[in-house]
Amino acid sequence: MATRSFVRSSDSPGKHPDSVRLLPWSNGDGNPCYLLGDGTGYVSRVADEIESLQLEMADDLTGHADDLLGCQRVSNRELRFLARGLTDSLRDVRRVADSRGARLCAAERSSGCVDGREA
């Protein structure tokens, strides 16, 4: 059974959270972690920094993959290592996209917009 971890933001006590945010890390069992809060607290800022770092690392790895795949003398070990890195990076980028997409949908719902149109 999957266990989800929740972190409640204490930066705005008494205020109902606007959304639940998928965080860019997992708990010790590899299950997703979520943040309940208004998106302005310390944990949100740390999550933003980690997401930015993950996207930057994905860019760097993509550049490395381009270089490595352009070489004629690449070993199977190097290709497997590259594939592992790309797989991990793709998983991170997918999590960032899912998290940001969910927050965009929540923002649209709270503003009364549906698919970019007024409801």
PDB file of N, CA and C in Angstrom:
ATOM      1  N   MET A   1       0.844  -1.182   0.000  1.00  0.00           N
ATOM      2  CA  MET A   1       0.000   0.000   0.000  1.00  0.00           C
ATOM      3  C   MET A   1       0.885   1.240   0.000  1.00  0.00           C
ATOM      4  N   ALA A   2       0.613   2.169  -0.887  1.00  0.00           N
ATOM      5  CA  ALA A   2       1.408   3.392  -1.002  1.00  0.00           C
ATOM      6  C   ALA A   2       1.092   4.332   0.147  1.00  0.00           C
ATOM      7  N   THR A   3       2.138   4.924   0.691  1.00  0.00           N
ATOM      8  CA  THR A   3       1.998   5.893   1.756  1.00  0.00           C
ATOM      9  C   THR A   3       2.412   7.242   1.234  1.00  0.00           C
ATOM     10  N   ARG A   4       1.595   8.238   1.454  1.00  0.00           N
ATOM     11  CA  ARG A   4       1.922   9.588   1.024  1.00  0.00           C
ATOM     12  C   ARG A   4       2.312  10.394   2.252  1.00  0.00           C
ATOM     13  N   SER A   5       3.297  11.251   2.067  1.00  0.00           N
ATOM     14  CA  SER A   5       3.728  12.135   3.136  1.00  0.00           C
ATOM     15  C   SER A   5       3.208  13.531   2.863  1.00  0.00           C
ATOM     16  N   PHE A   6       2.698  14.169   3.892  1.00  0.00           N
ATOM     17  CA  PHE A   6       2.204  15.531   3.772  1.00  0.00           C
ATOM     18  C   PHE A   6       2.982  16.427   4.707  1.00  0.00           C
ATOM     19  N   VAL A   7       3.299  17.611   4.235  1.00  0.00           N
ATOM     20  CA  VAL A   7       3.928  18.634   5.040  1.00  0.00           C
ATOM     21  C   VAL A   7       2.943  19.783   5.078  1.00  0.00           C
ATOM     22  N   ARG A   8       2.598  20.234   6.259  1.00  0.00           N
ATOM     23  CA  ARG A   8       1.672  21.367   6.371  1.00  0.00           C
ATOM     24  C   ARG A   8       2.494  22.622   6.615  1.00  0.00           C
ATOM     25  N   SER A   9       2.269  23.629   5.791  1.00  0.00           N
ATOM     26  CA  SER A   9       2.973  24.893   5.937  1.00  0.00           C
ATOM     27  C   SER A   9       2.460  25.601   7.180  1.00  0.00           C
ATOM     28  N   SER A  10       3.386  26.065   8.003  1.00  0.00           N
ATOM     29  CA  SER A  10       2.984  26.782   9.217  1.00  0.00           C
ATOM     30  C   SER A  10       3.164  28.288   9.051  1.00  0.00           C
ATOM     31  N   ASP A  11       3.449  28.729   7.838  1.00  0.00           N
ATOM     32  CA  ASP A  11       3.685  30.143   7.601  1.00  0.00           C
ATOM     33  C   ASP A  11       2.422  30.983   7.668  1.00  0.00           C
ATOM     34  N   SER A  12       1.283  30.374   7.441  1.00  0.00           N
ATOM     35  CA  SER A  12       0.039  31.142   7.480  1.00  0.00           C
ATOM     36  C   SER A  12      -0.987  30.392   8.321  1.00  0.00           C
ATOM     37  N   PRO A  13      -0.775  30.360   9.660  1.00  0.00           N
ATOM     38  CA  PRO A  13      -1.685  29.617  10.508  1.00  0.00           C
ATOM     39  C   PRO A  13      -3.102  30.156  10.429  1.00  0.00           C
ATOM     40  N   GLY A  14      -4.047  29.227  10.425  1.00  0.00           N
ATOM     41  CA  GLY A  14      -5.443  29.597  10.395  1.00  0.00           C
ATOM     42  C   GLY A  14      -5.988  29.814   8.995  1.00  0.00           C
ATOM     43  N   LYS A  15      -5.119  29.978   8.022  1.00  0.00           N
ATOM     44  CA  LYS A  15      -5.570  30.177   6.650  1.00  0.00           C
ATOM     45  C   LYS A  15      -5.691  28.827   5.965  1.00  0.00           C
ATOM     46  N   HIS A  16      -6.793  28.603   5.289  1.00  0.00           N
ATOM     47  CA  HIS A  16      -7.003  27.351   4.573  1.00  0.00           C
ATOM     48  C   HIS A  16      -6.078  27.306   3.363  1.00  0.00           C
ATOM     49  N   PRO A  17      -5.360  26.194   3.137  1.00  0.00           N
ATOM     50  CA  PRO A  17      -4.453  26.134   1.993  1.00  0.00           C
ATOM     51  C   PRO A  17      -5.202  26.222   0.670  1.00  0.00           C
ATOM     52  N   ASP A  18      -4.601  26.927  -0.280  1.00  0.00           N
ATOM     53  CA  ASP A  18      -5.196  27.069  -1.607  1.00  0.00           C
ATOM     54  C   ASP A  18      -5.065  25.788  -2.414  1.00  0.00           C
ATOM     55  N   SER A  19      -3.998  25.038  -2.173  1.00  0.00           N
ATOM     56  CA  SER A  19      -3.793  23.842  -2.973  1.00  0.00           C
ATOM     57  C   SER A  19      -2.868  22.871  -2.266  1.00  0.00           C
ATOM     58  N   VAL A  20      -2.804  21.690  -2.834  1.00  0.00           N
ATOM     59  CA  VAL A  20      -1.867  20.674  -2.395  1.00  0.00           C
ATOM     60  C   VAL A  20      -0.798  20.599  -3.473  1.00  0.00           C
ATOM     61  N   ARG A  21       0.446  20.703  -3.085  1.00  0.00           N
ATOM     62  CA  ARG A  21       1.554  20.725  -4.040  1.00  0.00           C
ATOM     63  C   ARG A  21       2.346  19.430  -3.965  1.00  0.00           C
ATOM     64  N   LEU A  22       2.561  18.820  -5.119  1.00  0.00           N
ATOM     65  CA  LEU A  22       3.453  17.678  -5.218  1.00  0.00           C
ATOM     66  C   LEU A  22       4.877  18.205  -5.098  1.00  0.00           C
ATOM     67  N   LEU A  23       5.613  17.689  -4.132  1.00  0.00           N
ATOM     68  CA  LEU A  23       6.978  18.159  -3.904  1.00  0.00           C
ATOM     69  C   LEU A  23       7.970  17.414  -4.790  1.00  0.00           C
ATOM     70  N   PRO A  24       9.122  18.019  -5.068  1.00  0.00           N
ATOM     71  CA  PRO A  24      10.081  17.406  -5.977  1.00  0.00           C
ATOM     72  C   PRO A  24      10.966  16.343  -5.322  1.00  0.00           C
ATOM     73  N   TRP A  25      10.484  15.737  -4.267  1.00  0.00           N
ATOM     74  CA  TRP A  25      11.209  14.642  -3.625  1.00  0.00           C
ATOM     75  C   TRP A  25      10.213  13.615  -3.124  1.00  0.00           C
ATOM     76  N   SER A  26      10.727  12.461  -2.755  1.00  0.00           N
ATOM     77  CA  SER A  26       9.895  11.362  -2.258  1.00  0.00           C
ATOM     78  C   SER A  26      10.239  11.092  -0.801  1.00  0.00           C
ATOM     79  N   ASN A  27       9.378  10.347  -0.134  1.00  0.00           N
ATOM     80  CA  ASN A  27       9.699   9.949   1.235  1.00  0.00           C
ATOM     81  C   ASN A  27      10.687   8.778   1.201  1.00  0.00           C
ATOM     82  N   GLY A  28      11.048   8.269   2.347  1.00  0.00           N
ATOM     83  CA  GLY A  28      12.027   7.194   2.442  1.00  0.00           C
ATOM     84  C   GLY A  28      11.629   5.920   1.724  1.00  0.00           C
ATOM     85  N   ASP A  29      10.334   5.716   1.511  1.00  0.00           N
ATOM     86  CA  ASP A  29       9.838   4.529   0.807  1.00  0.00           C
ATOM     87  C   ASP A  29       9.681   4.769  -0.692  1.00  0.00           C
ATOM     88  N   GLY A  30      10.031   5.974  -1.153  1.00  0.00           N
ATOM     89  CA  GLY A  30       9.909   6.289  -2.574  1.00  0.00           C
ATOM     90  C   GLY A  30       8.537   6.786  -2.987  1.00  0.00           C
ATOM     91  N   ASN A  31       7.684   7.054  -2.025  1.00  0.00           N
ATOM     92  CA  ASN A  31       6.334   7.544  -2.319  1.00  0.00           C
ATOM     93  C   ASN A  31       6.324   9.074  -2.372  1.00  0.00           C
ATOM     94  N   PRO A  32       5.351   9.644  -3.088  1.00  0.00           N
ATOM     95  CA  PRO A  32       5.319  11.099  -3.254  1.00  0.00           C
ATOM     96  C   PRO A  32       5.061  11.831  -1.941  1.00  0.00           C
ATOM     97  N   CYS A  33       5.588  13.044  -1.876  1.00  0.00           N
ATOM     98  CA  CYS A  33       5.351  13.944  -0.750  1.00  0.00           C
ATOM     99  C   CYS A  33       4.570  15.147  -1.256  1.00  0.00           C
ATOM    100  N   TYR A  34       3.687  15.651  -0.422  1.00  0.00           N
ATOM    101  CA  TYR A  34       2.839  16.785  -0.787  1.00  0.00           C
ATOM    102  C   TYR A  34       2.949  17.859   0.281  1.00  0.00           C
ATOM    103  N   LEU A  35       2.710  19.090  -0.131  1.00  0.00           N
ATOM    104  CA  LEU A  35       2.715  20.232   0.771  1.00  0.00           C
ATOM    105  C   LEU A  35       1.330  20.845   0.794  1.00  0.00           C
ATOM    106  N   LEU A  36       0.790  21.016   1.986  1.00  0.00           N
ATOM    107  CA  LEU A  36      -0.472  21.726   2.178  1.00  0.00           C
ATOM    108  C   LEU A  36      -0.119  23.137   2.632  1.00  0.00           C
ATOM    109  N   GLY A  37      -0.490  24.117   1.839  1.00  0.00           N
ATOM    110  CA  GLY A  37      -0.182  25.492   2.216  1.00  0.00           C
ATOM    111  C   GLY A  37      -0.539  26.444   1.104  1.00  0.00           C
ATOM    112  N   ASP A  38      -0.177  27.700   1.317  1.00  0.00           N
ATOM    113  CA  ASP A  38      -0.539  28.728   0.337  1.00  0.00           C
ATOM    114  C   ASP A  38       0.558  28.985  -0.688  1.00  0.00           C
ATOM    115  N   GLY A  39       1.669  28.261  -0.619  1.00  0.00           N
ATOM    116  CA  GLY A  39       2.734  28.382  -1.604  1.00  0.00           C
ATOM    117  C   GLY A  39       3.718  29.496  -1.361  1.00  0.00           C
ATOM    118  N   THR A  40       3.686  30.114  -0.182  1.00  0.00           N
ATOM    119  CA  THR A  40       4.582  31.238   0.089  1.00  0.00           C
ATOM    120  C   THR A  40       5.594  30.943   1.187  1.00  0.00           C
ATOM    121  N   GLY A  41       5.546  29.770   1.768  1.00  0.00           N
ATOM    122  CA  GLY A  41       6.392  29.468   2.915  1.00  0.00           C
ATOM    123  C   GLY A  41       7.763  28.922   2.559  1.00  0.00           C
ATOM    124  N   TYR A  42       8.504  28.596   3.606  1.00  0.00           N
ATOM    125  CA  TYR A  42       9.872  28.111   3.481  1.00  0.00           C
ATOM    126  C   TYR A  42       9.961  26.837   2.651  1.00  0.00           C
ATOM    127  N   VAL A  43       9.098  25.862   2.919  1.00  0.00           N
ATOM    128  CA  VAL A  43       9.156  24.594   2.192  1.00  0.00           C
ATOM    129  C   VAL A  43       8.841  24.823   0.714  1.00  0.00           C
ATOM    130  N   SER A  44       7.927  25.719   0.418  1.00  0.00           N
ATOM    131  CA  SER A  44       7.635  26.048  -0.981  1.00  0.00           C
ATOM    132  C   SER A  44       8.849  26.649  -1.676  1.00  0.00           C
ATOM    133  N   ARG A  45       9.568  27.522  -0.969  1.00  0.00           N
ATOM    134  CA  ARG A  45      10.764  28.131  -1.565  1.00  0.00           C
ATOM    135  C   ARG A  45      11.854  27.084  -1.785  1.00  0.00           C
ATOM    136  N   VAL A  46      12.019  26.166  -0.843  1.00  0.00           N
ATOM    137  CA  VAL A  46      12.999  25.090  -1.016  1.00  0.00           C
ATOM    138  C   VAL A  46      12.598  24.212  -2.206  1.00  0.00           C
ATOM    139  N   ALA A  47      11.323  23.891  -2.310  1.00  0.00           N
ATOM    140  CA  ALA A  47      10.833  23.074  -3.426  1.00  0.00           C
ATOM    141  C   ALA A  47      11.069  23.793  -4.758  1.00  0.00           C
ATOM    142  N   ASP A  48      10.836  25.112  -4.797  1.00  0.00           N
ATOM    143  CA  ASP A  48      11.089  25.883  -6.015  1.00  0.00           C
ATOM    144  C   ASP A  48      12.565  25.806  -6.408  1.00  0.00           C
ATOM    145  N   GLU A  49      13.452  25.926  -5.431  1.00  0.00           N
ATOM    146  CA  GLU A  49      14.892  25.864  -5.695  1.00  0.00           C
ATOM    147  C   GLU A  49      15.296  24.478  -6.196  1.00  0.00           C
ATOM    148  N   ILE A  50      14.749  23.439  -5.600  1.00  0.00           N
ATOM    149  CA  ILE A  50      15.079  22.082  -6.030  1.00  0.00           C
ATOM    150  C   ILE A  50      14.542  21.823  -7.433  1.00  0.00           C
ATOM    151  N   GLU A  51      13.327  22.259  -7.725  1.00  0.00           N
ATOM    152  CA  GLU A  51      12.781  22.107  -9.084  1.00  0.00           C
ATOM    153  C   GLU A  51      13.666  22.813 -10.100  1.00  0.00           C
ATOM    154  N   SER A  52      14.101  24.021  -9.774  1.00  0.00           N
ATOM    155  CA  SER A  52      14.974  24.778 -10.676  1.00  0.00           C
ATOM    156  C   SER A  52      16.282  24.025 -10.905  1.00  0.00           C
ATOM    157  N   LEU A  53      16.847  23.486  -9.848  1.00  0.00           N
ATOM    158  CA  LEU A  53      18.081  22.706  -9.952  1.00  0.00           C
ATOM    159  C   LEU A  53      17.870  21.446 -10.788  1.00  0.00           C
ATOM    160  N   GLN A  54      16.754  20.769 -10.594  1.00  0.00           N
ATOM    161  CA  GLN A  54      16.462  19.566 -11.365  1.00  0.00           C
ATOM    162  C   GLN A  54      16.339  19.878 -12.855  1.00  0.00           C
ATOM    163  N   LEU A  55      15.680  20.980 -13.199  1.00  0.00           N
ATOM    164  CA  LEU A  55      15.536  21.366 -14.602  1.00  0.00           C
ATOM    165  C   LEU A  55      16.885  21.759 -15.203  1.00  0.00           C
ATOM    166  N   GLU A  56      17.701  22.449 -14.433  1.00  0.00           N
ATOM    167  CA  GLU A  56      19.039  22.820 -14.887  1.00  0.00           C
ATOM    168  C   GLU A  56      19.904  21.576 -15.119  1.00  0.00           C
ATOM    169  N   MET A  57      19.821  20.625 -14.200  1.00  0.00           N
ATOM    170  CA  MET A  57      20.579  19.384 -14.349  1.00  0.00           C
ATOM    171  C   MET A  57      20.105  18.598 -15.569  1.00  0.00           C
ATOM    172  N   ALA A  58      18.813  18.624 -15.859  1.00  0.00           N
ATOM    173  CA  ALA A  58      18.284  17.948 -17.043  1.00  0.00           C
ATOM    174  C   ALA A  58      18.853  18.576 -18.312  1.00  0.00           C
ATOM    175  N   ASP A  59      18.943  19.907 -18.333  1.00  0.00           N
ATOM    176  CA  ASP A  59      19.552  20.588 -19.481  1.00  0.00           C
ATOM    177  C   ASP A  59      21.010  20.172 -19.653  1.00  0.00           C
ATOM    178  N   ASP A  60      21.751  20.162 -18.553  1.00  0.00           N
ATOM    179  CA  ASP A  60      23.156  19.772 -18.603  1.00  0.00           C
ATOM    180  C   ASP A  60      23.313  18.338 -19.081  1.00  0.00           C
ATOM    181  N   LEU A  61      22.484  17.451 -18.576  1.00  0.00           N
ATOM    182  CA  LEU A  61      22.573  16.040 -18.957  1.00  0.00           C
ATOM    183  C   LEU A  61      22.211  15.838 -20.422  1.00  0.00           C
ATOM    184  N   THR A  62      21.244  16.595 -20.905  1.00  0.00           N
ATOM    185  CA  THR A  62      20.873  16.505 -22.318  1.00  0.00           C
ATOM    186  C   THR A  62      22.046  16.927 -23.203  1.00  0.00           C
ATOM    187  N   GLY A  63      22.736  17.979 -22.811  1.00  0.00           N
ATOM    188  CA  GLY A  63      23.922  18.406 -23.542  1.00  0.00           C
ATOM    189  C   GLY A  63      25.014  17.352 -23.517  1.00  0.00           C
ATOM    190  N   HIS A  64      25.201  16.734 -22.351  1.00  0.00           N
ATOM    191  CA  HIS A  64      26.197  15.656 -22.231  1.00  0.00           C
ATOM    192  C   HIS A  64      25.800  14.475 -23.113  1.00  0.00           C
ATOM    193  N   ALA A  65      24.518  14.145 -23.148  1.00  0.00           N
ATOM    194  CA  ALA A  65      24.035  13.035 -23.982  1.00  0.00           C
ATOM    195  C   ALA A  65      24.300  13.323 -25.455  1.00  0.00           C
ATOM    196  N   ASP A  66      24.049  14.561 -25.893  1.00  0.00           N
ATOM    197  CA  ASP A  66      24.329  14.936 -27.276  1.00  0.00           C
ATOM    198  C   ASP A  66      25.799  14.720 -27.608  1.00  0.00           C
ATOM    199  N   ASP A  67      26.680  15.164 -26.698  1.00  0.00           N
ATOM    200  CA  ASP A  67      28.117  15.007 -26.914  1.00  0.00           C
ATOM    201  C   ASP A  67      28.518  13.534 -26.951  1.00  0.00           C
ATOM    202  N   LEU A  68      28.024  12.776 -25.984  1.00  0.00           N
ATOM    203  CA  LEU A  68      28.399  11.364 -25.879  1.00  0.00           C
ATOM    204  C   LEU A  68      27.899  10.558 -27.073  1.00  0.00           C
ATOM    205  N   LEU A  69      26.684  10.831 -27.498  1.00  0.00           N
ATOM    206  CA  LEU A  69      26.125  10.090 -28.627  1.00  0.00           C
ATOM    207  C   LEU A  69      26.780  10.473 -29.951  1.00  0.00           C
ATOM    208  N   GLY A  70      27.467  11.599 -29.976  1.00  0.00           N
ATOM    209  CA  GLY A  70      28.204  11.996 -31.162  1.00  0.00           C
ATOM    210  C   GLY A  70      29.559  11.316 -31.293  1.00  0.00           C
ATOM    211  N   CYS A  71      29.996  10.669 -30.220  1.00  0.00           N
ATOM    212  CA  CYS A  71      31.282   9.968 -30.232  1.00  0.00           C
ATOM    213  C   CYS A  71      31.118   8.576 -30.837  1.00  0.00           C
ATOM    214  N   GLN A  72      32.128   8.154 -31.568  1.00  0.00           N
ATOM    215  CA  GLN A  72      32.090   6.824 -32.177  1.00  0.00           C
ATOM    216  C   GLN A  72      32.541   5.730 -31.206  1.00  0.00           C
ATOM    217  N   ARG A  73      33.325   6.085 -30.220  1.00  0.00           N
ATOM    218  CA  ARG A  73      33.907   5.090 -29.302  1.00  0.00           C
ATOM    219  C   ARG A  73      33.268   5.160 -27.925  1.00  0.00           C
ATOM    220  N   VAL A  74      31.990   4.971 -27.860  1.00  0.00           N
ATOM    221  CA  VAL A  74      31.267   4.982 -26.589  1.00  0.00           C
ATOM    222  C   VAL A  74      31.053   3.537 -26.159  1.00  0.00           C
ATOM    223  N   SER A  75      31.394   3.255 -24.901  1.00  0.00           N
ATOM    224  CA  SER A  75      31.245   1.882 -24.412  1.00  0.00           C
ATOM    225  C   SER A  75      29.803   1.624 -23.973  1.00  0.00           C
ATOM    226  N   ASN A  76      29.472   0.346 -23.887  1.00  0.00           N
ATOM    227  CA  ASN A  76      28.140  -0.036 -23.378  1.00  0.00           C
ATOM    228  C   ASN A  76      27.950   0.462 -21.954  1.00  0.00           C
ATOM    229  N   ARG A  77      29.007   0.425 -21.158  1.00  0.00           N
ATOM    230  CA  ARG A  77      28.931   0.892 -19.772  1.00  0.00           C
ATOM    231  C   ARG A  77      28.592   2.383 -19.732  1.00  0.00           C
ATOM    232  N   GLU A  78      29.226   3.176 -20.604  1.00  0.00           N
ATOM    233  CA  GLU A  78      28.932   4.612 -20.659  1.00  0.00           C
ATOM    234  C   GLU A  78      27.492   4.862 -21.103  1.00  0.00           C
ATOM    235  N   LEU A  79      27.025   4.099 -22.067  1.00  0.00           N
ATOM    236  CA  LEU A  79      25.645   4.258 -22.540  1.00  0.00           C
ATOM    237  C   LEU A  79      24.635   3.864 -21.465  1.00  0.00           C
ATOM    238  N   ARG A  80      24.914   2.801 -20.727  1.00  0.00           N
ATOM    239  CA  ARG A  80      24.008   2.415 -19.621  1.00  0.00           C
ATOM    240  C   ARG A  80      23.987   3.482 -18.536  1.00  0.00           C
ATOM    241  N   PHE A  81      25.154   4.035 -18.221  1.00  0.00           N
ATOM    242  CA  PHE A  81      25.226   5.110 -17.225  1.00  0.00           C
ATOM    243  C   PHE A  81      24.438   6.332 -17.703  1.00  0.00           C
ATOM    244  N   LEU A  82      24.587   6.674 -18.982  1.00  0.00           N
ATOM    245  CA  LEU A  82      23.833   7.779 -19.558  1.00  0.00           C
ATOM    246  C   LEU A  82      22.333   7.500 -19.517  1.00  0.00           C
ATOM    247  N   ALA A  83      21.945   6.296 -19.879  1.00  0.00           N
ATOM    248  CA  ALA A  83      20.518   5.937 -19.864  1.00  0.00           C
ATOM    249  C   ALA A  83      19.946   6.041 -18.460  1.00  0.00           C
ATOM    250  N   ARG A  84      20.703   5.620 -17.439  1.00  0.00           N
ATOM    251  CA  ARG A  84      20.242   5.727 -16.047  1.00  0.00           C
ATOM    252  C   ARG A  84      20.061   7.189 -15.676  1.00  0.00           C
ATOM    253  N   GLY A  85      21.040   8.021 -16.029  1.00  0.00           N
ATOM    254  CA  GLY A  85      20.944   9.449 -15.711  1.00  0.00           C
ATOM    255  C   GLY A  85      19.770  10.110 -16.414  1.00  0.00           C
ATOM    256  N   LEU A  86      19.571   9.773 -17.690  1.00  0.00           N
ATOM    257  CA  LEU A  86      18.447  10.349 -18.437  1.00  0.00           C
ATOM    258  C   LEU A  86      17.113   9.882 -17.864  1.00  0.00           C
ATOM    259  N   THR A  87      17.035   8.630 -17.459  1.00  0.00           N
ATOM    260  CA  THR A  87      15.801   8.101 -16.863  1.00  0.00           C
ATOM    261  C   THR A  87      15.481   8.825 -15.563  1.00  0.00           C
ATOM    262  N   ASP A  88      16.477   8.984 -14.705  1.00  0.00           N
ATOM    263  CA  ASP A  88      16.271   9.696 -13.440  1.00  0.00           C
ATOM    264  C   ASP A  88      15.871  11.146 -13.692  1.00  0.00           C
ATOM    265  N   SER A  89      16.547  11.776 -14.652  1.00  0.00           N
ATOM    266  CA  SER A  89      16.253  13.165 -14.974  1.00  0.00           C
ATOM    267  C   SER A  89      14.846  13.318 -15.541  1.00  0.00           C
ATOM    268  N   LEU A  90      14.458  12.405 -16.417  1.00  0.00           N
ATOM    269  CA  LEU A  90      13.112  12.455 -16.989  1.00  0.00           C
ATOM    270  C   LEU A  90      12.054  12.289 -15.897  1.00  0.00           C
ATOM    271  N   ARG A  91      12.312  11.422 -14.948  1.00  0.00           N
ATOM    272  CA  ARG A  91      11.387  11.230 -13.826  1.00  0.00           C
ATOM    273  C   ARG A  91      11.243  12.534 -13.030  1.00  0.00           C
ATOM    274  N   ASP A  92      12.368  13.208 -12.766  1.00  0.00           N
ATOM    275  CA  ASP A  92      12.337  14.479 -12.033  1.00  0.00           C
ATOM    276  C   ASP A  92      11.571  15.548 -12.810  1.00  0.00           C
ATOM    277  N   VAL A  93      11.857  15.663 -14.102  1.00  0.00           N
ATOM    278  CA  VAL A  93      11.197  16.681 -14.932  1.00  0.00           C
ATOM    279  C   VAL A  93       9.698  16.400 -15.027  1.00  0.00           C
ATOM    280  N   ARG A  94       9.346  15.149 -15.127  1.00  0.00           N
ATOM    281  CA  ARG A  94       7.924  14.778 -15.167  1.00  0.00           C
ATOM    282  C   ARG A  94       7.223  15.181 -13.878  1.00  0.00           C
ATOM    283  N   ARG A  95       7.885  14.960 -12.742  1.00  0.00           N
ATOM    284  CA  ARG A  95       7.313  15.346 -11.448  1.00  0.00           C
ATOM    285  C   ARG A  95       7.126  16.855 -11.380  1.00  0.00           C
ATOM    286  N   VAL A  96       8.115  17.615 -11.858  1.00  0.00           N
ATOM    287  CA  VAL A  96       8.006  19.079 -11.873  1.00  0.00           C
ATOM    288  C   VAL A  96       6.815  19.498 -12.740  1.00  0.00           C
ATOM    289  N   ALA A  97       6.694  18.886 -13.920  1.00  0.00           N
ATOM    290  CA  ALA A  97       5.584  19.222 -14.825  1.00  0.00           C
ATOM    291  C   ALA A  97       4.235  18.880 -14.197  1.00  0.00           C
ATOM    292  N   ASP A  98       4.137  17.716 -13.566  1.00  0.00           N
ATOM    293  CA  ASP A  98       2.885  17.327 -12.910  1.00  0.00           C
ATOM    294  C   ASP A  98       2.530  18.309 -11.796  1.00  0.00           C
ATOM    295  N   SER A  99       3.530  18.671 -10.999  1.00  0.00           N
ATOM    296  CA  SER A  99       3.300  19.591  -9.887  1.00  0.00           C
ATOM    297  C   SER A  99       2.860  20.961 -10.389  1.00  0.00           C
ATOM    298  N   ARG A 100       3.558  21.477 -11.375  1.00  0.00           N
ATOM    299  CA  ARG A 100       3.217  22.809 -11.891  1.00  0.00           C
ATOM    300  C   ARG A 100       1.885  22.796 -12.627  1.00  0.00           C
ATOM    301  N   GLY A 101       1.618  21.731 -13.350  1.00  0.00           N
ATOM    302  CA  GLY A 101       0.335  21.622 -14.041  1.00  0.00           C
ATOM    303  C   GLY A 101      -0.836  21.591 -13.069  1.00  0.00           C
ATOM    304  N   ALA A 102      -0.678  20.846 -11.980  1.00  0.00           N
ATOM    305  CA  ALA A 102      -1.740  20.776 -10.973  1.00  0.00           C
ATOM    306  C   ALA A 102      -1.959  22.131 -10.326  1.00  0.00           C
ATOM    307  N   ARG A 103      -0.877  22.864 -10.076  1.00  0.00           N
ATOM    308  CA  ARG A 103      -1.022  24.188  -9.476  1.00  0.00           C
ATOM    309  C   ARG A 103      -1.662  25.178 -10.443  1.00  0.00           C
ATOM    310  N   LEU A 104      -1.373  25.055 -11.735  1.00  0.00           N
ATOM    311  CA  LEU A 104      -2.030  25.913 -12.719  1.00  0.00           C
ATOM    312  C   LEU A 104      -3.530  25.641 -12.760  1.00  0.00           C
ATOM    313  N   CYS A 105      -3.904  24.367 -12.742  1.00  0.00           N
ATOM    314  CA  CYS A 105      -5.332  24.013 -12.745  1.00  0.00           C
ATOM    315  C   CYS A 105      -6.023  24.546 -11.500  1.00  0.00           C
ATOM    316  N   ALA A 106      -5.359  24.422 -10.347  1.00  0.00           N
ATOM    317  CA  ALA A 106      -5.947  24.915  -9.098  1.00  0.00           C
ATOM    318  C   ALA A 106      -6.100  26.432  -9.140  1.00  0.00           C
ATOM    319  N   ALA A 107      -5.125  27.121  -9.712  1.00  0.00           N
ATOM    320  CA  ALA A 107      -5.200  28.586  -9.819  1.00  0.00           C
ATOM    321  C   ALA A 107      -6.333  28.999 -10.751  1.00  0.00           C
ATOM    322  N   GLU A 108      -6.499  28.267 -11.847  1.00  0.00           N
ATOM    323  CA  GLU A 108      -7.597  28.576 -12.768  1.00  0.00           C
ATOM    324  C   GLU A 108      -8.952  28.348 -12.110  1.00  0.00           C
ATOM    325  N   ARG A 109      -9.070  27.245 -11.358  1.00  0.00           N
ATOM    326  CA  ARG A 109     -10.345  26.973 -10.671  1.00  0.00           C
ATOM    327  C   ARG A 109     -10.655  28.056  -9.644  1.00  0.00           C
ATOM    328  N   SER A 110      -9.635  28.485  -8.889  1.00  0.00           N
ATOM    329  CA  SER A 110      -9.888  29.475  -7.851  1.00  0.00           C
ATOM    330  C   SER A 110     -10.160  30.865  -8.427  1.00  0.00           C
ATOM    331  N   SER A 111      -9.705  31.122  -9.662  1.00  0.00           N
ATOM    332  CA  SER A 111      -9.961  32.425 -10.267  1.00  0.00           C
ATOM    333  C   SER A 111     -11.260  32.433 -11.074  1.00  0.00           C
ATOM    334  N   GLY A 112     -11.914  31.271 -11.165  1.00  0.00           N
ATOM    335  CA  GLY A 112     -13.176  31.184 -11.895  1.00  0.00           C
ATOM    336  C   GLY A 112     -12.988  30.929 -13.367  1.00  0.00           C
ATOM    337  N   CYS A 113     -11.776  30.579 -13.788  1.00  0.00           N
ATOM    338  CA  CYS A 113     -11.516  30.284 -15.198  1.00  0.00           C
ATOM    339  C   CYS A 113     -11.500  28.781 -15.418  1.00  0.00           C
ATOM    340  N   VAL A 114     -12.000  28.361 -16.545  1.00  0.00           N
ATOM    341  CA  VAL A 114     -11.947  26.975 -16.944  1.00  0.00           C
ATOM    342  C   VAL A 114     -11.384  26.946 -18.338  1.00  0.00           C
ATOM    343  N   ASP A 115     -10.287  26.261 -18.552  1.00  0.00           N
ATOM    344  CA  ASP A 115      -9.634  26.186 -19.862  1.00  0.00           C
ATOM    345  C   ASP A 115      -9.347  27.578 -20.424  1.00  0.00           C
ATOM    346  N   GLY A 116      -8.936  28.506 -19.535  1.00  0.00           N
ATOM    347  CA  GLY A 116      -8.583  29.853 -19.984  1.00  0.00           C
ATOM    348  C   GLY A 116      -9.778  30.769 -20.210  1.00  0.00           C
ATOM    349  N   ARG A 117     -11.008  30.284 -19.955  1.00  0.00           N
ATOM    350  CA  ARG A 117     -12.213  31.105 -20.160  1.00  0.00           C
ATOM    351  C   ARG A 117     -12.902  31.325 -18.816  1.00  0.00           C
ATOM    352  N   GLU A 118     -13.585  32.428 -18.699  1.00  0.00           N
ATOM    353  CA  GLU A 118     -14.377  32.699 -17.495  1.00  0.00           C
ATOM    354  C   GLU A 118     -15.479  31.660 -17.358  1.00  0.00           C
ATOM    355  N   ALA A 119     -15.669  31.152 -16.167  1.00  0.00           N
ATOM    356  CA  ALA A 119     -16.726  30.140 -15.940  1.00  0.00           C
ATOM    357  C   ALA A 119     -18.065  30.801 -15.762  1.00  0.00           C
TER     358      ALA A 119
END
